[in-house]
PDB file of all heavy atoms in Angstrom:
ATOM      1  N   PRO A   1      21.685 -45.316  41.305  1.00  0.00           N
ATOM      2  CA  PRO A   1      23.101 -45.443  40.907  1.00  0.00           C
ATOM      3  C   PRO A   1      23.603 -46.883  40.804  1.00  0.00           C
ATOM      4  O   PRO A   1      24.192 -47.252  39.769  1.00  0.00           O
ATOM      5  CB  PRO A   1      23.846 -44.650  41.990  1.00  0.00           C
ATOM      6  CG  PRO A   1      22.843 -43.638  42.454  1.00  0.00           C
ATOM      7  CD  PRO A   1      21.534 -44.361  42.427  1.00  0.00           C
ATOM      8  N   PRO A   2      23.396 -47.754  41.809  1.00  0.00           N
ATOM      9  CA  PRO A   2      23.907 -49.126  41.656  1.00  0.00           C
ATOM     10  C   PRO A   2      23.182 -49.925  40.580  1.00  0.00           C
ATOM     11  O   PRO A   2      23.783 -50.797  39.943  1.00  0.00           O
ATOM     12  CB  PRO A   2      23.695 -49.742  43.046  1.00  0.00           C
ATOM     13  CG  PRO A   2      22.683 -48.902  43.709  1.00  0.00           C
ATOM     14  CD  PRO A   2      22.856 -47.533  43.169  1.00  0.00           C
ATOM     15  N   LEU A   3      21.910 -49.635  40.335  1.00  0.00           N
ATOM     16  CA  LEU A   3      21.178 -50.352  39.287  1.00  0.00           C
ATOM     17  C   LEU A   3      21.671 -49.968  37.902  1.00  0.00           C
ATOM     18  O   LEU A   3      21.768 -50.815  37.006  1.00  0.00           O
ATOM     19  CB  LEU A   3      19.682 -50.082  39.409  1.00  0.00           C
ATOM     20  CG  LEU A   3      18.864 -51.139  40.157  1.00  0.00           C
ATOM     21  CD1 LEU A   3      17.443 -50.672  40.335  1.00  0.00           C
ATOM     22  CD2 LEU A   3      18.900 -52.466  39.434  1.00  0.00           C
ATOM     23  N   LEU A   4      21.988 -48.707  37.708  1.00  0.00           N
ATOM     24  CA  LEU A   4      22.457 -48.264  36.394  1.00  0.00           C
ATOM     25  C   LEU A   4      23.794 -48.903  36.028  1.00  0.00           C
ATOM     26  O   LEU A   4      24.130 -49.015  34.839  1.00  0.00           O
ATOM     27  CB  LEU A   4      22.580 -46.741  36.356  1.00  0.00           C
ATOM     28  CG  LEU A   4      21.260 -45.958  36.398  1.00  0.00           C
ATOM     29  CD1 LEU A   4      21.525 -44.470  36.317  1.00  0.00           C
ATOM     30  CD2 LEU A   4      20.322 -46.404  35.286  1.00  0.00           C
ATOM     31  N   LYS A   5      24.549 -49.338  37.023  1.00  0.00           N
ATOM     32  CA  LYS A   5      25.819 -50.010  36.749  1.00  0.00           C
ATOM     33  C   LYS A   5      25.603 -51.378  36.100  1.00  0.00           C
ATOM     34  O   LYS A   5      26.509 -51.939  35.496  1.00  0.00           O
ATOM     35  CB  LYS A   5      26.618 -50.169  38.041  1.00  0.00           C
ATOM     36  CG  LYS A   5      27.099 -48.848  38.632  1.00  0.00           C
ATOM     37  CD  LYS A   5      27.855 -49.061  39.932  1.00  0.00           C
ATOM     38  CE  LYS A   5      28.307 -47.727  40.519  1.00  0.00           C
ATOM     39  NZ  LYS A   5      29.017 -47.901  41.817  1.00  0.00           N
ATOM     40  N   LEU A   6      24.388 -51.931  36.236  1.00  0.00           N
ATOM     41  CA  LEU A   6      24.080 -53.238  35.651  1.00  0.00           C
ATOM     42  C   LEU A   6      23.454 -53.111  34.258  1.00  0.00           C
ATOM     43  O   LEU A   6      23.260 -54.125  33.581  1.00  0.00           O
ATOM     44  CB  LEU A   6      23.117 -54.009  36.555  1.00  0.00           C
ATOM     45  CG  LEU A   6      23.548 -54.252  38.003  1.00  0.00           C
ATOM     46  CD1 LEU A   6      22.498 -55.089  38.727  1.00  0.00           C
ATOM     47  CD2 LEU A   6      24.899 -54.934  38.059  1.00  0.00           C
ATOM     48  N   ALA A   7      23.123 -51.900  33.858  1.00  0.00           N
ATOM     49  CA  ALA A   7      22.438 -51.711  32.575  1.00  0.00           C
ATOM     50  C   ALA A   7      23.379 -51.979  31.405  1.00  0.00           C
ATOM     51  O   ALA A   7      24.564 -51.677  31.450  1.00  0.00           O
ATOM     52  CB  ALA A   7      21.877 -50.295  32.487  1.00  0.00           C
ATOM     53  N   CYS A   8      22.827 -52.573  30.360  1.00  0.00           N
ATOM     54  CA  CYS A   8      23.609 -52.888  29.160  1.00  0.00           C
ATOM     55  C   CYS A   8      23.446 -51.825  28.075  1.00  0.00           C
ATOM     56  O   CYS A   8      23.812 -52.053  26.928  1.00  0.00           O
ATOM     57  CB  CYS A   8      23.175 -54.238  28.601  1.00  0.00           C
ATOM     58  SG  CYS A   8      23.559 -55.606  29.678  1.00  0.00           S
ATOM     59  N   ALA A   9      22.873 -50.691  28.425  1.00  0.00           N
ATOM     60  CA  ALA A   9      22.690 -49.599  27.469  1.00  0.00           C
ATOM     61  C   ALA A   9      23.453 -48.373  27.959  1.00  0.00           C
ATOM     62  O   ALA A   9      23.931 -48.339  29.092  1.00  0.00           O
ATOM     63  CB  ALA A   9      21.202 -49.281  27.332  1.00  0.00           C
ATOM     64  N   ASP A  10      23.558 -47.392  27.107  1.00  0.00           N
ATOM     65  CA  ASP A  10      24.228 -46.149  27.467  1.00  0.00           C
ATOM     66  C   ASP A  10      23.318 -45.343  28.394  1.00  0.00           C
ATOM     67  O   ASP A  10      22.236 -44.914  27.996  1.00  0.00           O
ATOM     68  CB  ASP A  10      24.548 -45.344  26.208  1.00  0.00           C
ATOM     69  CG  ASP A  10      25.252 -44.033  26.522  1.00  0.00           C
ATOM     70  OD1 ASP A  10      25.772 -43.896  27.660  1.00  0.00           O
ATOM     71  OD2 ASP A  10      25.290 -43.152  25.651  1.00  0.00           O
ATOM     72  N   THR A  11      23.758 -45.167  29.629  1.00  0.00           N
ATOM     73  CA  THR A  11      22.936 -44.453  30.618  1.00  0.00           C
ATOM     74  C   THR A  11      23.525 -43.088  30.968  1.00  0.00           C
ATOM     75  O   THR A  11      23.083 -42.481  31.946  1.00  0.00           O
ATOM     76  CB  THR A  11      22.808 -45.299  31.901  1.00  0.00           C
ATOM     77  OG1 THR A  11      24.122 -45.472  32.481  1.00  0.00           O
ATOM     78  CG2 THR A  11      22.194 -46.655  31.616  1.00  0.00           C
ATOM     79  N   SER A  12      24.504 -42.620  30.225  1.00  0.00           N
ATOM     80  CA  SER A  12      25.213 -41.391  30.591  1.00  0.00           C
ATOM     81  C   SER A  12      24.275 -40.181  30.653  1.00  0.00           C
ATOM     82  O   SER A  12      24.360 -39.374  31.583  1.00  0.00           O
ATOM     83  CB  SER A  12      26.358 -41.120  29.610  1.00  0.00           C
ATOM     84  OG  SER A  12      25.872 -41.062  28.283  1.00  0.00           O
ATOM     85  N   ARG A  13      23.378 -40.051  29.674  1.00  0.00           N
ATOM     86  CA  ARG A  13      22.466 -38.916  29.686  1.00  0.00           C
ATOM     87  C   ARG A  13      21.503 -38.988  30.863  1.00  0.00           C
ATOM     88  O   ARG A  13      21.204 -37.976  31.506  1.00  0.00           O
ATOM     89  CB  ARG A  13      21.678 -38.869  28.366  1.00  0.00           C
ATOM     90  CG  ARG A  13      22.524 -38.478  27.156  1.00  0.00           C
ATOM     91  CD  ARG A  13      21.651 -38.318  25.928  1.00  0.00           C
ATOM     92  NE  ARG A  13      22.445 -37.903  24.766  1.00  0.00           N
ATOM     93  CZ  ARG A  13      21.941 -37.704  23.563  1.00  0.00           C
ATOM     94  NH1 ARG A  13      20.629 -37.885  23.357  1.00  0.00           N
ATOM     95  NH2 ARG A  13      22.732 -37.322  22.567  1.00  0.00           N
ATOM     96  N   TYR A  14      21.029 -40.201  31.110  1.00  0.00           N
ATOM     97  CA  TYR A  14      20.099 -40.356  32.238  1.00  0.00           C
ATOM     98  C   TYR A  14      20.810 -40.120  33.563  1.00  0.00           C
ATOM     99  O   TYR A  14      20.240 -39.520  34.478  1.00  0.00           O
ATOM    100  CB  TYR A  14      19.458 -41.749  32.208  1.00  0.00           C
ATOM    101  CG  TYR A  14      18.488 -41.977  33.342  1.00  0.00           C
ATOM    102  CD1 TYR A  14      17.430 -41.095  33.567  1.00  0.00           C
ATOM    103  CD2 TYR A  14      18.630 -43.066  34.194  1.00  0.00           C
ATOM    104  CE1 TYR A  14      16.541 -41.304  34.607  1.00  0.00           C
ATOM    105  CE2 TYR A  14      17.751 -43.278  35.230  1.00  0.00           C
ATOM    106  CZ  TYR A  14      16.702 -42.387  35.441  1.00  0.00           C
ATOM    107  OH  TYR A  14      15.829 -42.582  36.476  1.00  0.00           O
ATOM    108  N   GLN A  15      22.043 -40.580  33.689  1.00  0.00           N
ATOM    109  CA  GLN A  15      22.805 -40.325  34.907  1.00  0.00           C
ATOM    110  C   GLN A  15      22.987 -38.831  35.136  1.00  0.00           C
ATOM    111  O   GLN A  15      22.916 -38.352  36.275  1.00  0.00           O
ATOM    112  CB  GLN A  15      24.168 -41.015  34.829  1.00  0.00           C
ATOM    113  CG  GLN A  15      24.102 -42.526  34.963  1.00  0.00           C
ATOM    114  CD  GLN A  15      25.477 -43.159  34.973  1.00  0.00           C
ATOM    115  OE1 GLN A  15      26.392 -42.670  35.624  1.00  0.00           O
ATOM    116  NE2 GLN A  15      25.632 -44.256  34.256  1.00  0.00           N
ATOM    117  N   LEU A  16      23.199 -38.085  34.050  1.00  0.00           N
ATOM    118  CA  LEU A  16      23.315 -36.632  34.161  1.00  0.00           C
ATOM    119  C   LEU A  16      21.998 -36.026  34.637  1.00  0.00           C
ATOM    120  O   LEU A  16      21.981 -35.124  35.491  1.00  0.00           O
ATOM    121  CB  LEU A  16      23.717 -36.028  32.821  1.00  0.00           C
ATOM    122  CG  LEU A  16      23.839 -34.493  32.774  1.00  0.00           C
ATOM    123  CD1 LEU A  16      24.893 -34.007  33.760  1.00  0.00           C
ATOM    124  CD2 LEU A  16      24.153 -34.026  31.350  1.00  0.00           C
ATOM    125  N   MET A  17      20.883 -36.546  34.109  1.00  0.00           N
ATOM    126  CA  MET A  17      19.578 -36.042  34.526  1.00  0.00           C
ATOM    127  C   MET A  17      19.318 -36.357  35.994  1.00  0.00           C
ATOM    128  O   MET A  17      18.798 -35.520  36.743  1.00  0.00           O
ATOM    129  CB  MET A  17      18.469 -36.649  33.658  1.00  0.00           C
ATOM    130  CG  MET A  17      17.106 -36.040  33.931  1.00  0.00           C
ATOM    131  SD  MET A  17      15.785 -36.747  32.927  1.00  0.00           S
ATOM    132  CE  MET A  17      15.532 -38.309  33.760  1.00  0.00           C
ATOM    133  N   VAL A  18      19.684 -37.575  36.420  1.00  0.00           N
ATOM    134  CA  VAL A  18      19.525 -37.950  37.826  1.00  0.00           C
ATOM    135  C   VAL A  18      20.349 -37.025  38.720  1.00  0.00           C
ATOM    136  O   VAL A  18      19.891 -36.583  39.783  1.00  0.00           O
ATOM    137  CB  VAL A  18      19.948 -39.421  38.042  1.00  0.00           C
ATOM    138  CG1 VAL A  18      20.031 -39.753  39.532  1.00  0.00           C
ATOM    139  CG2 VAL A  18      18.965 -40.360  37.351  1.00  0.00           C
ATOM    140  N   TYR A  19      21.561 -36.716  38.259  1.00  0.00           N
ATOM    141  CA  TYR A  19      22.436 -35.826  39.032  1.00  0.00           C
ATOM    142  C   TYR A  19      21.819 -34.431  39.151  1.00  0.00           C
ATOM    143  O   TYR A  19      21.762 -33.859  40.249  1.00  0.00           O
ATOM    144  CB  TYR A  19      23.804 -35.743  38.352  1.00  0.00           C
ATOM    145  CG  TYR A  19      24.777 -34.820  39.054  1.00  0.00           C
ATOM    146  CD1 TYR A  19      25.471 -35.240  40.187  1.00  0.00           C
ATOM    147  CD2 TYR A  19      24.989 -33.525  38.582  1.00  0.00           C
ATOM    148  CE1 TYR A  19      26.349 -34.387  40.828  1.00  0.00           C
ATOM    149  CE2 TYR A  19      25.864 -32.673  39.226  1.00  0.00           C
ATOM    150  CZ  TYR A  19      26.548 -33.110  40.355  1.00  0.00           C
ATOM    151  OH  TYR A  19      27.413 -32.256  40.990  1.00  0.00           O
ATOM    152  N   VAL A  20      21.316 -33.900  38.035  1.00  0.00           N
ATOM    153  CA  VAL A  20      20.729 -32.559  38.044  1.00  0.00           C
ATOM    154  C   VAL A  20      19.482 -32.533  38.921  1.00  0.00           C
ATOM    155  O   VAL A  20      19.280 -31.607  39.738  1.00  0.00           O
ATOM    156  CB  VAL A  20      20.396 -32.108  36.609  1.00  0.00           C
ATOM    157  CG1 VAL A  20      19.586 -30.805  36.623  1.00  0.00           C
ATOM    158  CG2 VAL A  20      21.670 -31.923  35.807  1.00  0.00           C
ATOM    159  N   MET A  21      18.627 -33.558  38.785  1.00  0.00           N
ATOM    160  CA  MET A  21      17.418 -33.619  39.606  1.00  0.00           C
ATOM    161  C   MET A  21      17.767 -33.777  41.078  1.00  0.00           C
ATOM    162  O   MET A  21      17.135 -33.159  41.959  1.00  0.00           O
ATOM    163  CB  MET A  21      16.543 -34.786  39.141  1.00  0.00           C
ATOM    164  CG  MET A  21      15.916 -34.585  37.782  1.00  0.00           C
ATOM    165  SD  MET A  21      14.699 -33.240  37.758  1.00  0.00           S
ATOM    166  CE  MET A  21      13.417 -33.930  38.794  1.00  0.00           C
ATOM    167  N   GLY A  22      18.771 -34.609  41.370  1.00  0.00           N
ATOM    168  CA  GLY A  22      19.180 -34.805  42.752  1.00  0.00           C
ATOM    169  C   GLY A  22      19.703 -33.529  43.377  1.00  0.00           C
ATOM    170  O   GLY A  22      19.329 -33.179  44.511  1.00  0.00           O
ATOM    171  N   VAL A  23      20.554 -32.814  42.633  1.00  0.00           N
ATOM    172  CA  VAL A  23      21.091 -31.545  43.133  1.00  0.00           C
ATOM    173  C   VAL A  23      19.970 -30.534  43.335  1.00  0.00           C
ATOM    174  O   VAL A  23      19.924 -29.823  44.351  1.00  0.00           O
ATOM    175  CB  VAL A  23      22.159 -30.997  42.162  1.00  0.00           C
ATOM    176  CG1 VAL A  23      22.545 -29.567  42.544  1.00  0.00           C
ATOM    177  CG2 VAL A  23      23.395 -31.891  42.174  1.00  0.00           C
ATOM    178  N   SER A  24      19.025 -30.474  42.387  1.00  0.00           N
ATOM    179  CA  SER A  24      17.916 -29.522  42.492  1.00  0.00           C
ATOM    180  C   SER A  24      17.040 -29.834  43.690  1.00  0.00           C
ATOM    181  O   SER A  24      16.664 -28.939  44.464  1.00  0.00           O
ATOM    182  CB  SER A  24      17.073 -29.550  41.210  1.00  0.00           C
ATOM    183  OG  SER A  24      17.858 -29.215  40.086  1.00  0.00           O
TER     184      SER A  24
END
């Protein structure tokens, strides 16, 4: 999560995947 805040690209889809994987 804190690293994705530094990314200069659109990470919204990946953040959603991280959330789904984390919840699972």
